């Protein structure tokens, strides 16, 4: 049961966004549509997930991605999927 609860909590923190800038060390600036913010758009700094590094999936500026927002800091996240 705890695995199901943890999986649902992670799904709630996943947001779709667009990479707007590539930074050093496989980090990216991602623009996310977020209804919780007044402007509706939030910019976060996201790093590439380990499985994406392992499988050498490349992320470029303009790519649509899924970002798992950090539970402690809303300004950071992890890119878990590229479209």
N, C-alpha and C. Protein backbone atom coordinates (compact mmCIF):
# COMPACT_ATOMS: atom_id res chain seq x y z
N UNK A 1 0.81 -1.19 0.00
CA UNK A 1 0.00 0.00 0.00
C UNK A 1 0.86 1.26 0.00
N UNK A 2 1.98 1.23 0.70
CA UNK A 2 2.82 2.42 0.75
C UNK A 2 3.40 2.75 -0.62
N UNK A 3 3.68 1.69 -1.45
CA UNK A 3 4.20 1.95 -2.78
C UNK A 3 3.18 2.69 -3.63
N UNK A 4 1.90 2.31 -3.51
CA UNK A 4 0.85 2.98 -4.28
C UNK A 4 0.72 4.43 -3.85
N UNK A 5 0.78 4.66 -2.56
CA UNK A 5 0.64 6.02 -2.05
C UNK A 5 1.82 6.88 -2.52
N UNK A 6 3.03 6.33 -2.44
CA UNK A 6 4.20 7.08 -2.88
C UNK A 6 4.15 7.35 -4.37
N UNK A 7 3.69 6.39 -5.17
CA UNK A 7 3.57 6.58 -6.62
C UNK A 7 2.58 7.69 -6.93
N UNK A 8 1.45 7.73 -6.23
CA UNK A 8 0.46 8.78 -6.47
C UNK A 8 1.00 10.14 -6.07
N UNK A 9 1.76 10.20 -4.99
CA UNK A 9 2.34 11.47 -4.58
C UNK A 9 3.32 11.99 -5.63
N UNK A 10 4.11 11.08 -6.23
CA UNK A 10 5.06 11.49 -7.26
C UNK A 10 4.32 11.97 -8.50
N UNK A 11 3.23 11.29 -8.88
CA UNK A 11 2.48 11.69 -10.06
C UNK A 11 1.90 13.09 -9.90
N UNK A 12 1.56 13.48 -8.68
CA UNK A 12 1.00 14.82 -8.45
C UNK A 12 2.04 15.90 -8.65
N UNK A 13 3.32 15.57 -8.49
CA UNK A 13 4.37 16.57 -8.62
C UNK A 13 4.96 16.63 -10.03
N UNK A 14 4.47 15.83 -10.97
CA UNK A 14 5.00 15.86 -12.33
C UNK A 14 4.25 16.92 -13.13
N UNK A 15 5.01 17.81 -13.77
CA UNK A 15 4.44 18.87 -14.60
C UNK A 15 5.08 18.81 -15.98
N UNK A 16 4.34 19.24 -16.99
CA UNK A 16 4.87 19.30 -18.35
C UNK A 16 5.41 20.70 -18.61
N UNK A 17 6.50 20.75 -19.34
CA UNK A 17 7.10 22.03 -19.63
C UNK A 17 7.94 21.98 -20.89
N UNK A 18 8.58 23.12 -21.19
CA UNK A 18 9.42 23.26 -22.38
C UNK A 18 10.78 23.76 -21.93
N UNK A 19 11.84 23.14 -22.45
CA UNK A 19 13.20 23.56 -22.13
C UNK A 19 13.47 24.89 -22.82
N UNK A 20 13.88 25.90 -22.04
CA UNK A 20 14.15 27.21 -22.63
C UNK A 20 15.63 27.56 -22.65
N UNK A 21 16.44 26.83 -21.84
CA UNK A 21 17.87 27.10 -21.81
C UNK A 21 18.62 25.87 -21.32
N UNK A 22 19.75 25.57 -21.96
CA UNK A 22 20.62 24.48 -21.52
C UNK A 22 21.74 25.08 -20.68
N UNK A 23 21.96 24.51 -19.50
CA UNK A 23 22.98 24.96 -18.58
C UNK A 23 24.06 23.89 -18.47
N UNK A 24 25.21 24.20 -17.86
CA UNK A 24 26.25 23.17 -17.70
C UNK A 24 25.81 22.02 -16.80
N UNK A 25 26.52 20.90 -16.91
CA UNK A 25 26.32 19.72 -16.07
C UNK A 25 24.92 19.12 -16.19
N UNK A 26 24.44 18.98 -17.39
CA UNK A 26 23.12 18.39 -17.70
C UNK A 26 21.99 19.02 -16.89
N UNK A 27 22.06 20.33 -16.71
CA UNK A 27 20.98 21.06 -16.07
C UNK A 27 20.30 21.94 -17.12
N UNK A 28 19.02 22.20 -16.90
CA UNK A 28 18.23 22.94 -17.87
C UNK A 28 17.29 23.90 -17.16
N UNK A 29 16.99 25.00 -17.82
CA UNK A 29 15.95 25.91 -17.34
C UNK A 29 14.68 25.55 -18.11
N UNK A 30 13.62 25.21 -17.37
CA UNK A 30 12.39 24.70 -17.96
C UNK A 30 11.24 25.62 -17.58
N UNK A 31 10.42 25.96 -18.57
CA UNK A 31 9.22 26.78 -18.35
C UNK A 31 8.03 25.85 -18.19
N UNK A 32 7.35 25.96 -17.05
CA UNK A 32 6.25 25.06 -16.72
C UNK A 32 4.96 25.84 -16.62
N UNK A 33 3.89 25.31 -17.20
CA UNK A 33 2.56 25.89 -17.02
C UNK A 33 2.04 25.46 -15.66
N UNK A 34 1.83 26.42 -14.77
CA UNK A 34 1.42 26.10 -13.40
C UNK A 34 0.27 27.00 -12.99
N UNK A 35 -0.92 26.44 -12.78
CA UNK A 35 -2.08 27.26 -12.40
C UNK A 35 -1.98 27.84 -11.00
N UNK A 36 -1.06 27.33 -10.17
CA UNK A 36 -0.91 27.84 -8.81
C UNK A 36 -0.25 29.21 -8.76
N UNK A 37 0.47 29.58 -9.81
CA UNK A 37 1.16 30.86 -9.87
C UNK A 37 0.26 31.88 -10.56
N UNK A 38 0.36 33.14 -10.16
CA UNK A 38 -0.50 34.19 -10.72
C UNK A 38 -0.34 34.32 -12.23
N UNK A 39 0.90 34.29 -12.72
CA UNK A 39 1.13 34.46 -14.15
C UNK A 39 0.80 33.20 -14.94
N UNK A 40 0.71 32.04 -14.27
CA UNK A 40 0.41 30.80 -14.95
C UNK A 40 1.63 30.10 -15.50
N UNK A 41 2.79 30.76 -15.44
CA UNK A 41 4.03 30.17 -15.95
C UNK A 41 5.09 30.28 -14.87
N UNK A 42 5.80 29.18 -14.63
CA UNK A 42 6.88 29.18 -13.65
C UNK A 42 8.13 28.62 -14.31
N UNK A 43 9.28 29.17 -13.97
CA UNK A 43 10.55 28.69 -14.51
C UNK A 43 11.29 27.96 -13.40
N UNK A 44 11.70 26.72 -13.69
CA UNK A 44 12.44 25.92 -12.71
C UNK A 44 13.75 25.47 -13.33
N UNK A 45 14.71 25.14 -12.47
CA UNK A 45 15.96 24.56 -12.91
C UNK A 45 15.86 23.06 -12.69
N UNK A 46 16.06 22.29 -13.75
CA UNK A 46 15.89 20.85 -13.67
C UNK A 46 17.15 20.14 -14.16
N UNK A 47 17.44 19.03 -13.50
CA UNK A 47 18.57 18.21 -13.93
C UNK A 47 18.03 16.94 -14.58
N UNK A 48 18.89 16.28 -15.32
CA UNK A 48 18.50 15.09 -16.06
C UNK A 48 18.47 13.88 -15.14
N UNK A 49 17.42 13.08 -15.20
CA UNK A 49 17.29 11.88 -14.37
C UNK A 49 18.35 10.85 -14.74
N UNK A 50 18.68 10.01 -13.79
CA UNK A 50 19.74 9.01 -13.98
C UNK A 50 19.48 8.05 -15.12
N UNK A 51 18.23 7.60 -15.29
CA UNK A 51 17.92 6.68 -16.38
C UNK A 51 18.09 7.36 -17.73
N UNK A 52 17.82 8.65 -17.79
CA UNK A 52 17.98 9.36 -19.06
C UNK A 52 19.47 9.54 -19.38
N UNK A 53 20.28 9.75 -18.36
CA UNK A 53 21.74 9.82 -18.57
C UNK A 53 22.27 8.46 -19.00
N UNK A 54 21.83 7.41 -18.31
CA UNK A 54 22.31 6.05 -18.58
C UNK A 54 21.99 5.64 -20.01
N UNK A 55 20.79 5.96 -20.49
CA UNK A 55 20.38 5.60 -21.85
C UNK A 55 20.75 6.65 -22.88
N UNK A 56 21.49 7.67 -22.45
CA UNK A 56 22.01 8.73 -23.33
C UNK A 56 20.91 9.42 -24.13
N UNK A 57 19.83 9.75 -23.46
CA UNK A 57 18.74 10.49 -24.10
C UNK A 57 19.11 11.96 -24.08
N UNK A 58 19.15 12.57 -25.22
CA UNK A 58 19.55 13.97 -25.32
C UNK A 58 18.35 14.88 -25.22
N UNK A 59 18.54 15.98 -24.52
CA UNK A 59 17.50 16.99 -24.37
C UNK A 59 18.04 18.29 -24.94
N UNK A 60 17.26 18.90 -25.82
CA UNK A 60 17.67 20.14 -26.47
C UNK A 60 16.69 21.25 -26.13
N UNK A 61 17.11 22.48 -26.39
CA UNK A 61 16.24 23.63 -26.18
C UNK A 61 15.02 23.49 -27.09
N UNK A 62 13.84 23.69 -26.53
CA UNK A 62 12.60 23.56 -27.29
C UNK A 62 11.90 22.23 -27.10
N UNK A 63 12.56 21.26 -26.48
CA UNK A 63 11.94 19.95 -26.25
C UNK A 63 10.87 20.05 -25.17
N UNK A 64 9.80 19.29 -25.34
CA UNK A 64 8.78 19.17 -24.31
C UNK A 64 9.21 18.05 -23.36
N UNK A 65 9.11 18.31 -22.06
CA UNK A 65 9.59 17.35 -21.06
C UNK A 65 8.60 17.26 -19.90
N UNK A 66 8.69 16.15 -19.16
CA UNK A 66 8.00 16.00 -17.89
C UNK A 66 9.01 16.28 -16.79
N UNK A 67 8.65 17.12 -15.84
CA UNK A 67 9.54 17.49 -14.74
C UNK A 67 8.90 17.07 -13.43
N UNK A 68 9.64 16.32 -12.64
CA UNK A 68 9.22 15.94 -11.30
C UNK A 68 9.71 17.02 -10.35
N UNK A 69 8.79 17.81 -9.79
CA UNK A 69 9.14 18.92 -8.92
C UNK A 69 9.60 18.39 -7.58
N UNK A 70 10.67 18.98 -7.05
CA UNK A 70 11.22 18.60 -5.76
C UNK A 70 10.22 18.91 -4.65
N UNK A 71 10.10 18.02 -3.69
CA UNK A 71 9.16 18.21 -2.59
C UNK A 71 9.56 19.30 -1.62
N UNK A 72 10.84 19.65 -1.59
CA UNK A 72 11.33 20.65 -0.64
C UNK A 72 11.45 22.04 -1.25
N UNK A 73 11.75 22.10 -2.55
CA UNK A 73 12.02 23.38 -3.20
C UNK A 73 11.26 23.41 -4.53
N UNK A 74 10.33 24.35 -4.67
CA UNK A 74 9.53 24.44 -5.90
C UNK A 74 10.31 25.00 -7.08
N UNK A 75 11.52 25.46 -6.86
CA UNK A 75 12.33 26.05 -7.92
C UNK A 75 13.19 25.00 -8.63
N UNK A 76 13.23 23.77 -8.13
CA UNK A 76 14.09 22.74 -8.70
C UNK A 76 13.28 21.51 -9.06
N UNK A 77 13.81 20.72 -10.00
CA UNK A 77 13.13 19.51 -10.41
C UNK A 77 14.04 18.57 -11.15
N UNK A 78 13.48 17.43 -11.58
CA UNK A 78 14.22 16.41 -12.30
C UNK A 78 13.46 16.07 -13.57
N UNK A 79 14.13 16.11 -14.70
CA UNK A 79 13.51 15.76 -15.98
C UNK A 79 13.43 14.24 -16.06
N UNK A 80 12.21 13.72 -16.15
CA UNK A 80 12.02 12.28 -16.16
C UNK A 80 11.57 11.73 -17.51
N UNK A 81 11.14 12.61 -18.42
CA UNK A 81 10.70 12.13 -19.73
C UNK A 81 10.82 13.26 -20.75
N UNK A 82 11.18 12.89 -21.99
CA UNK A 82 11.24 13.83 -23.10
C UNK A 82 10.25 13.40 -24.17
N UNK A 83 9.54 14.38 -24.76
CA UNK A 83 8.57 14.06 -25.82
C UNK A 83 9.13 14.41 -27.16
